[in-house]
C-alpha atoms as a PDB file:
ATOM      1  CA  UNK A   1       0.000   0.000   0.000  1.00  0.00           C
ATOM      2  CA  UNK A   2       1.187   3.506  -0.763  1.00  0.00           C
ATOM      3  CA  UNK A   3       3.222   5.568   1.664  1.00  0.00           C
ATOM      4  CA  UNK A   4       1.638   8.608   3.307  1.00  0.00           C
ATOM      5  CA  UNK A   5       2.754  12.225   3.296  1.00  0.00           C
ATOM      6  CA  UNK A   6       4.668  13.459   6.331  1.00  0.00           C
ATOM      7  CA  UNK A   7       2.019  15.790   7.712  1.00  0.00           C
ATOM      8  CA  UNK A   8      -0.639  13.082   7.563  1.00  0.00           C
ATOM      9  CA  UNK A   9       1.670  10.545   9.212  1.00  0.00           C
ATOM     10  CA  UNK A  10       2.331  12.814  12.168  1.00  0.00           C
ATOM     11  CA  UNK A  11      -1.336  13.726  12.489  1.00  0.00           C
ATOM     12  CA  UNK A  12      -2.319  10.054  12.519  1.00  0.00           C
ATOM     13  CA  UNK A  13       0.211   9.229  15.234  1.00  0.00           C
ATOM     14  CA  UNK A  14      -0.509  12.117  17.590  1.00  0.00           C
ATOM     15  CA  UNK A  15      -1.568  10.838  21.027  1.00  0.00           C
ATOM     16  CA  UNK A  16      -1.942   7.369  19.578  1.00  0.00           C
ATOM     17  CA  UNK A  17      -0.752   3.852  20.350  1.00  0.00           C
ATOM     18  CA  UNK A  18       1.996   2.290  18.254  1.00  0.00           C
ATOM     19  CA  UNK A  19       1.926  -1.502  18.314  1.00  0.00           C
ATOM     20  CA  UNK A  20       5.393  -2.994  18.048  1.00  0.00           C
ATOM     21  CA  UNK A  21       4.823  -6.315  16.279  1.00  0.00           C
ATOM     22  CA  UNK A  22       8.111  -8.018  17.001  1.00  0.00           C
ATOM     23  CA  UNK A  23       7.784 -11.687  17.945  1.00  0.00           C
ATOM     24  CA  UNK A  24      10.441 -13.505  19.950  1.00  0.00           C
ATOM     25  CA  UNK A  25      13.368 -14.251  17.642  1.00  0.00           C
ATOM     26  CA  UNK A  26      13.161 -17.759  16.154  1.00  0.00           C
ATOM     27  CA  UNK A  27       9.950 -18.435  18.084  1.00  0.00           C
ATOM     28  CA  UNK A  28       6.857 -20.088  16.582  1.00  0.00           C
ATOM     29  CA  UNK A  29       5.355 -16.684  15.703  1.00  0.00           C
ATOM     30  CA  UNK A  30       8.484 -15.391  13.987  1.00  0.00           C
ATOM     31  CA  UNK A  31       7.345 -15.338  10.353  1.00  0.00           C
ATOM     32  CA  UNK A  32       6.288 -12.523   8.008  1.00  0.00           C
ATOM     33  CA  UNK A  33       2.755 -13.881   7.627  1.00  0.00           C
ATOM     34  CA  UNK A  34       2.191 -13.964  11.392  1.00  0.00           C
ATOM     35  CA  UNK A  35       3.770 -10.543  11.907  1.00  0.00           C
ATOM     36  CA  UNK A  36       1.453  -9.105   9.253  1.00  0.00           C
ATOM     37  CA  UNK A  37      -1.529 -10.776  10.923  1.00  0.00           C
ATOM     38  CA  UNK A  38      -0.530  -9.335  14.312  1.00  0.00           C
ATOM     39  CA  UNK A  39      -0.242  -5.939  12.674  1.00  0.00           C
ATOM     40  CA  UNK A  40      -3.698  -6.213  11.128  1.00  0.00           C
ATOM     41  CA  UNK A  41      -5.188  -7.291  14.446  1.00  0.00           C
ATOM     42  CA  UNK A  42      -3.465  -4.351  16.168  1.00  0.00           C
ATOM     43  CA  UNK A  43      -4.965  -1.905  13.673  1.00  0.00           C
ATOM     44  CA  UNK A  44      -8.420  -3.425  14.179  1.00  0.00           C
ATOM     45  CA  UNK A  45      -7.915  -2.871  17.899  1.00  0.00           C
ATOM     46  CA  UNK A  46      -7.205   0.816  17.304  1.00  0.00           C
ATOM     47  CA  UNK A  47      -3.432   1.100  16.904  1.00  0.00           C
ATOM     48  CA  UNK A  48      -2.520   4.383  15.222  1.00  0.00           C
ATOM     49  CA  UNK A  49       0.707   2.960  13.828  1.00  0.00           C
ATOM     50  CA  UNK A  50       3.055  -0.007  13.861  1.00  0.00           C
ATOM     51  CA  UNK A  51       6.702  -0.718  14.554  1.00  0.00           C
ATOM     52  CA  UNK A  52       8.020  -3.578  12.435  1.00  0.00           C
ATOM     53  CA  UNK A  53      11.466  -5.189  12.443  1.00  0.00           C
ATOM     54  CA  UNK A  54      12.999  -6.820   9.399  1.00  0.00           C
ATOM     55  CA  UNK A  55      12.627  -6.249   5.675  1.00  0.00           C
ATOM     56  CA  UNK A  56      10.522  -9.332   4.943  1.00  0.00           C
ATOM     57  CA  UNK A  57       8.215  -8.565   7.875  1.00  0.00           C
ATOM     58  CA  UNK A  58       7.885  -4.967   6.714  1.00  0.00           C
ATOM     59  CA  UNK A  59       7.029  -5.941   3.151  1.00  0.00           C
ATOM     60  CA  UNK A  60       4.383  -8.422   4.328  1.00  0.00           C
ATOM     61  CA  UNK A  61       2.854  -5.862   6.687  1.00  0.00           C
ATOM     62  CA  UNK A  62       2.947  -2.933   4.243  1.00  0.00           C
ATOM     63  CA  UNK A  63       0.794  -4.939   1.854  1.00  0.00           C
ATOM     64  CA  UNK A  64      -1.919  -5.331   4.490  1.00  0.00           C
ATOM     65  CA  UNK A  65      -2.259  -2.004   6.349  1.00  0.00           C
ATOM     66  CA  UNK A  66      -2.667   1.701   5.671  1.00  0.00           C
ATOM     67  CA  UNK A  67      -1.457   3.069   9.018  1.00  0.00           C
ATOM     68  CA  UNK A  68       2.044   4.550   9.391  1.00  0.00           C
ATOM     69  CA  UNK A  69       4.825   2.017   9.857  1.00  0.00           C
ATOM     70  CA  UNK A  70       8.049   2.590  11.770  1.00  0.00           C
ATOM     71  CA  UNK A  71      10.612   0.275  10.224  1.00  0.00           C
ATOM     72  CA  UNK A  72      13.792  -1.038  11.816  1.00  0.00           C
ATOM     73  CA  UNK A  73      16.448  -3.659  11.211  1.00  0.00           C
ATOM     74  CA  UNK A  74      18.144  -5.266  14.207  1.00  0.00           C
ATOM     75  CA  UNK A  75      21.689  -6.564  13.994  1.00  0.00           C
ATOM     76  CA  UNK A  76      24.180  -8.059  16.458  1.00  0.00           C
ATOM     77  CA  UNK A  77      27.557  -6.542  15.634  1.00  0.00           C
ATOM     78  CA  UNK A  78      30.945  -7.683  16.886  1.00  0.00           C
ATOM     79  CA  UNK A  79      32.445  -4.197  17.066  1.00  0.00           C
ATOM     80  CA  UNK A  80      29.510  -2.083  18.239  1.00  0.00           C
ATOM     81  CA  UNK A  81      26.682  -2.335  20.789  1.00  0.00           C
ATOM     82  CA  UNK A  82      24.358  -0.537  18.368  1.00  0.00           C
ATOM     83  CA  UNK A  83      21.646  -2.900  17.090  1.00  0.00           C
ATOM     84  CA  UNK A  84      18.912  -0.778  15.526  1.00  0.00           C
ATOM     85  CA  UNK A  85      19.356   0.110  11.836  1.00  0.00           C
ATOM     86  CA  UNK A  86      23.133   0.615  12.088  1.00  0.00           C
ATOM     87  CA  UNK A  87      24.025   0.661   8.370  1.00  0.00           C
ATOM     88  CA  UNK A  88      23.096   2.916   5.472  1.00  0.00           C
ATOM     89  CA  UNK A  89      22.032  -0.179   3.547  1.00  0.00           C
ATOM     90  CA  UNK A  90      19.476  -0.835   6.299  1.00  0.00           C
ATOM     91  CA  UNK A  91      18.062   2.641   5.769  1.00  0.00           C
ATOM     92  CA  UNK A  92      17.873   2.124   2.005  1.00  0.00           C
ATOM     93  CA  UNK A  93      16.203  -1.282   2.386  1.00  0.00           C
ATOM     94  CA  UNK A  94      13.632  -0.027   4.900  1.00  0.00           C
ATOM     95  CA  UNK A  95      12.656   2.877   2.675  1.00  0.00           C
ATOM     96  CA  UNK A  96      12.316   0.585  -0.333  1.00  0.00           C
ATOM     97  CA  UNK A  97      10.189  -1.872   1.672  1.00  0.00           C
ATOM     98  CA  UNK A  98       7.632   0.811   2.530  1.00  0.00           C
ATOM     99  CA  UNK A  99       8.562   2.263   5.916  1.00  0.00           C
ATOM    100  CA  UNK A 100       7.009   5.678   6.558  1.00  0.00           C
ATOM    101  CA  UNK A 101       9.341   6.300   9.495  1.00  0.00           C
ATOM    102  CA  UNK A 102      12.801   4.807   9.912  1.00  0.00           C
ATOM    103  CA  UNK A 103      14.057   4.368  13.455  1.00  0.00           C
ATOM    104  CA  UNK A 104      17.736   4.115  14.321  1.00  0.00           C
ATOM    105  CA  UNK A 105      19.849   3.875  17.464  1.00  0.00           C
ATOM    106  CA  UNK A 106      20.390   7.442  18.599  1.00  0.00           C
ATOM    107  CA  UNK A 107      22.711   6.634  21.503  1.00  0.00           C
ATOM    108  CA  UNK A 108      26.176   8.117  21.871  1.00  0.00           C
ATOM    109  CA  UNK A 109      28.135   4.871  21.470  1.00  0.00           C
ATOM    110  CA  UNK A 110      30.664   3.313  19.114  1.00  0.00           C
ATOM    111  CA  UNK A 111      28.869   2.744  15.846  1.00  0.00           C
ATOM    112  CA  UNK A 112      29.595   1.836  12.207  1.00  0.00           C
ATOM    113  CA  UNK A 113      27.919   4.963  10.793  1.00  0.00           C
ATOM    114  CA  UNK A 114      27.645   8.370  12.485  1.00  0.00           C
ATOM    115  CA  UNK A 115      24.214   9.552  13.552  1.00  0.00           C
ATOM    116  CA  UNK A 116      24.265  12.646  11.355  1.00  0.00           C
ATOM    117  CA  UNK A 117      24.999  10.495   8.298  1.00  0.00           C
ATOM    118  CA  UNK A 118      22.127   8.138   9.133  1.00  0.00           C
ATOM    119  CA  UNK A 119      19.755  11.068   9.583  1.00  0.00           C
ATOM    120  CA  UNK A 120      20.813  12.669   6.306  1.00  0.00           C
ATOM    121  CA  UNK A 121      20.170   9.422   4.420  1.00  0.00           C
ATOM    122  CA  UNK A 122      16.696   9.037   5.929  1.00  0.00           C
ATOM    123  CA  UNK A 123      15.837  12.593   4.914  1.00  0.00           C
ATOM    124  CA  UNK A 124      17.215  12.081   1.416  1.00  0.00           C
ATOM    125  CA  UNK A 125      14.937   9.088   0.952  1.00  0.00           C
ATOM    126  CA  UNK A 126      11.854  11.103   1.926  1.00  0.00           C
ATOM    127  CA  UNK A 127      11.062   9.214   5.139  1.00  0.00           C
ATOM    128  CA  UNK A 128      10.488  10.552   8.619  1.00  0.00           C
ATOM    129  CA  UNK A 129      13.176   9.758  11.186  1.00  0.00           C
ATOM    130  CA  UNK A 130      13.009   8.442  14.736  1.00  0.00           C
ATOM    131  CA  UNK A 131      15.977   8.301  17.106  1.00  0.00           C
ATOM    132  CA  UNK A 132      15.929   5.597  19.790  1.00  0.00           C
ATOM    133  CA  UNK A 133      17.721   7.353  22.644  1.00  0.00           C
ATOM    134  CA  UNK A 134      18.716   6.490  26.201  1.00  0.00           C
ATOM    135  CA  UNK A 135      19.005   9.915  27.815  1.00  0.00           C
ATOM    136  CA  UNK A 136      18.207  13.605  27.473  1.00  0.00           C
ATOM    137  CA  UNK A 137      21.515  14.611  25.901  1.00  0.00           C
ATOM    138  CA  UNK A 138      21.193  12.047  23.119  1.00  0.00           C
ATOM    139  CA  UNK A 139      17.644  13.118  22.464  1.00  0.00           C
ATOM    140  CA  UNK A 140      18.614  16.767  22.158  1.00  0.00           C
ATOM    141  CA  UNK A 141      21.552  15.959  19.888  1.00  0.00           C
ATOM    142  CA  UNK A 142      19.232  14.152  17.493  1.00  0.00           C
ATOM    143  CA  UNK A 143      16.538  16.809  17.830  1.00  0.00           C
ATOM    144  CA  UNK A 144      19.045  19.479  16.827  1.00  0.00           C
ATOM    145  CA  UNK A 145      19.869  17.455  13.716  1.00  0.00           C
ATOM    146  CA  UNK A 146      16.231  17.577  12.667  1.00  0.00           C
ATOM    147  CA  UNK A 147      14.966  14.150  13.741  1.00  0.00           C
ATOM    148  CA  UNK A 148      11.162  14.006  13.622  1.00  0.00           C
ATOM    149  CA  UNK A 149      10.524  11.743  16.620  1.00  0.00           C
ATOM    150  CA  UNK A 150      12.714  11.278  19.684  1.00  0.00           C
ATOM    151  CA  UNK A 151      12.156   7.928  21.368  1.00  0.00           C
ATOM    152  CA  UNK A 152      12.892   6.996  24.979  1.00  0.00           C
ATOM    153  CA  UNK A 153      13.394   3.479  23.609  1.00  0.00           C
ATOM    154  CA  UNK A 154      16.917   2.837  24.868  1.00  0.00           C
ATOM    155  CA  UNK A 155      16.545   4.248  28.391  1.00  0.00           C
ATOM    156  CA  UNK A 156      17.669   1.522  30.773  1.00  0.00           C
ATOM    157  CA  UNK A 157      19.135  -0.675  28.040  1.00  0.00           C
ATOM    158  CA  UNK A 158      22.689   0.634  27.618  1.00  0.00           C
ATOM    159  CA  UNK A 159      24.276  -0.889  30.731  1.00  0.00           C
ATOM    160  CA  UNK A 160      23.525  -1.993  34.264  1.00  0.00           C
ATOM    161  CA  UNK A 161      20.333  -3.475  35.620  1.00  0.00           C
ATOM    162  CA  UNK A 162      17.240  -2.874  33.508  1.00  0.00           C
ATOM    163  CA  UNK A 163      14.599  -0.922  35.478  1.00  0.00           C
ATOM    164  CA  UNK A 164      11.108  -2.337  35.853  1.00  0.00           C
ATOM    165  CA  UNK A 165       9.327   0.977  35.284  1.00  0.00           C
ATOM    166  CA  UNK A 166       9.350   3.204  32.175  1.00  0.00           C
ATOM    167  CA  UNK A 167      11.395   6.408  32.134  1.00  0.00           C
ATOM    168  CA  UNK A 168       8.568   8.901  32.341  1.00  0.00           C
ATOM    169  CA  UNK A 169      10.904  11.678  33.476  1.00  0.00           C
ATOM    170  CA  UNK A 170      12.817  11.442  30.214  1.00  0.00           C
ATOM    171  CA  UNK A 171       9.559  11.827  28.304  1.00  0.00           C
ATOM    172  CA  UNK A 172       8.657  14.933  30.323  1.00  0.00           C
ATOM    173  CA  UNK A 173      12.094  16.477  29.963  1.00  0.00           C
ATOM    174  CA  UNK A 174      12.285  15.928  26.210  1.00  0.00           C
ATOM    175  CA  UNK A 175       8.767  17.268  25.747  1.00  0.00           C
ATOM    176  CA  UNK A 176       9.639  20.373  27.772  1.00  0.00           C
ATOM    177  CA  UNK A 177      12.671  20.904  25.525  1.00  0.00           C
ATOM    178  CA  UNK A 178      10.491  20.952  22.422  1.00  0.00           C
ATOM    179  CA  UNK A 179      10.829  17.369  21.198  1.00  0.00           C
ATOM    180  CA  UNK A 180       8.093  15.287  19.644  1.00  0.00           C
ATOM    181  CA  UNK A 181       8.532  12.320  21.997  1.00  0.00           C
ATOM    182  CA  UNK A 182       7.789   8.669  21.352  1.00  0.00           C
ATOM    183  CA  UNK A 183       7.456   7.008  24.755  1.00  0.00           C
ATOM    184  CA  UNK A 184       8.829   3.500  24.451  1.00  0.00           C
ATOM    185  CA  UNK A 185      10.292   0.943  26.805  1.00  0.00           C
ATOM    186  CA  UNK A 186       8.452  -0.972  29.544  1.00  0.00           C
ATOM    187  CA  UNK A 187       5.021   0.568  28.973  1.00  0.00           C
ATOM    188  CA  UNK A 188       3.472  -2.786  29.791  1.00  0.00           C
ATOM    189  CA  UNK A 189      -0.080  -1.886  30.809  1.00  0.00           C
ATOM    190  CA  UNK A 190      -2.915   0.332  29.562  1.00  0.00           C
ATOM    191  CA  UNK A 191      -2.410   2.540  32.609  1.00  0.00           C
ATOM    192  CA  UNK A 192       1.266   3.061  31.808  1.00  0.00           C
ATOM    193  CA  UNK A 193       0.481   3.859  28.183  1.00  0.00           C
ATOM    194  CA  UNK A 194      -2.054   6.470  29.286  1.00  0.00           C
ATOM    195  CA  UNK A 195       0.498   7.840  31.762  1.00  0.00           C
ATOM    196  CA  UNK A 196       2.930   8.414  28.903  1.00  0.00           C
ATOM    197  CA  UNK A 197       0.415  10.559  27.042  1.00  0.00           C
ATOM    198  CA  UNK A 198      -0.501  12.423  30.219  1.00  0.00           C
ATOM    199  CA  UNK A 199       3.188  13.276  30.674  1.00  0.00           C
ATOM    200  CA  UNK A 200       3.571  14.790  27.227  1.00  0.00           C
ATOM    201  CA  UNK A 201       4.375  11.897  24.908  1.00  0.00           C
ATOM    202  CA  UNK A 202       3.399  12.508  21.294  1.00  0.00           C
ATOM    203  CA  UNK A 203       2.740   8.774  20.946  1.00  0.00           C
ATOM    204  CA  UNK A 204       3.470   5.635  22.950  1.00  0.00           C
ATOM    205  CA  UNK A 205       4.859   2.343  21.663  1.00  0.00           C
ATOM    206  CA  UNK A 206       3.936  -0.945  23.312  1.00  0.00           C
ATOM    207  CA  UNK A 207       5.573  -4.192  22.287  1.00  0.00           C
ATOM    208  CA  UNK A 208       5.941  -7.213  24.554  1.00  0.00           C
ATOM    209  CA  UNK A 209       2.620  -6.676  26.325  1.00  0.00           C
ATOM    210  CA  UNK A 210       0.817  -6.852  22.993  1.00  0.00           C
ATOM    211  CA  UNK A 211       2.674  -9.184  20.677  1.00  0.00           C
ATOM    212  CA  UNK A 212       5.149 -11.396  22.542  1.00  0.00           C
ATOM    213  CA  UNK A 213       2.905 -14.176  23.718  1.00  0.00           C
ATOM    214  CA  UNK A 214       5.753 -16.050  25.374  1.00  0.00           C
ATOM    215  CA  UNK A 215       6.416 -13.074  27.637  1.00  0.00           C
ATOM    216  CA  UNK A 216       2.769 -12.413  28.426  1.00  0.00           C
ATOM    217  CA  UNK A 217       2.059 -16.016  29.361  1.00  0.00           C
ATOM    218  CA  UNK A 218       5.224 -16.043  31.449  1.00  0.00           C
ATOM    219  CA  UNK A 219       4.008 -13.046  33.457  1.00  0.00           C
ATOM    220  CA  UNK A 220       0.833 -14.910  34.379  1.00  0.00           C
ATOM    221  CA  UNK A 221       2.671 -18.143  35.142  1.00  0.00           C
ATOM    222  CA  UNK A 222       5.165 -16.360  37.397  1.00  0.00           C
ATOM    223  CA  UNK A 223       2.343 -14.813  39.439  1.00  0.00           C
ATOM    224  CA  UNK A 224       0.564 -18.150  39.743  1.00  0.00           C
ATOM    225  CA  UNK A 225       3.758 -19.930  40.765  1.00  0.00           C
ATOM    226  CA  UNK A 226       4.481 -17.298  43.405  1.00  0.00           C
ATOM    227  CA  UNK A 227       1.131 -18.079  45.021  1.00  0.00           C
ATOM    228  CA  UNK A 228       1.580 -21.836  44.668  1.00  0.00           C
ATOM    229  CA  UNK A 229       4.935 -21.734  46.392  1.00  0.00           C
ATOM    230  CA  UNK A 230       3.805 -19.774  49.432  1.00  0.00           C
END
């Protein structure tokens, strides 16, 4: 299906839910057909947009939905901790596959391609850009380079123990500094998603709580086991 113009994309996403349809790697739901079906079901449920990983998954999903799609490619590199859309070829492939928005790792870490180069390529291809950041300084760096959406995606995931709660303060601070903020990372309940919007998020992305069945079932089983073992 055809890509949307930038103004319409942003209008469609404002104060909306983005469903991140990323199944567990190599799990039974990890196939383009299932990802596309999850995406369709998410749109039926009211999702304003989607976040899709992988070129084949993106192509399968683009053919089925009209809502904006944030596209990413994840890689495990030997010489860099950056995983999200690290190469220019990833940017080219995502644009060609139908991504409306291309997200990339916006953290200040060793990387194969500089952030400003990534951003310039996304702009040149006519897509909107989203920077997955871990702190305020990274968000402002990317904002000053003209990134369209600043995500709190990487907060808590660049070292040390991963927090259990989302980084709402980062959302507030970035919003106060003039960023269009995508709240993402550990928004695992409807109440938390609403809290993100209440604290100034432009949109909120939810992943595991919607589309990773292994995780969701595990949450229930853990609670049941805790009671059983008392």
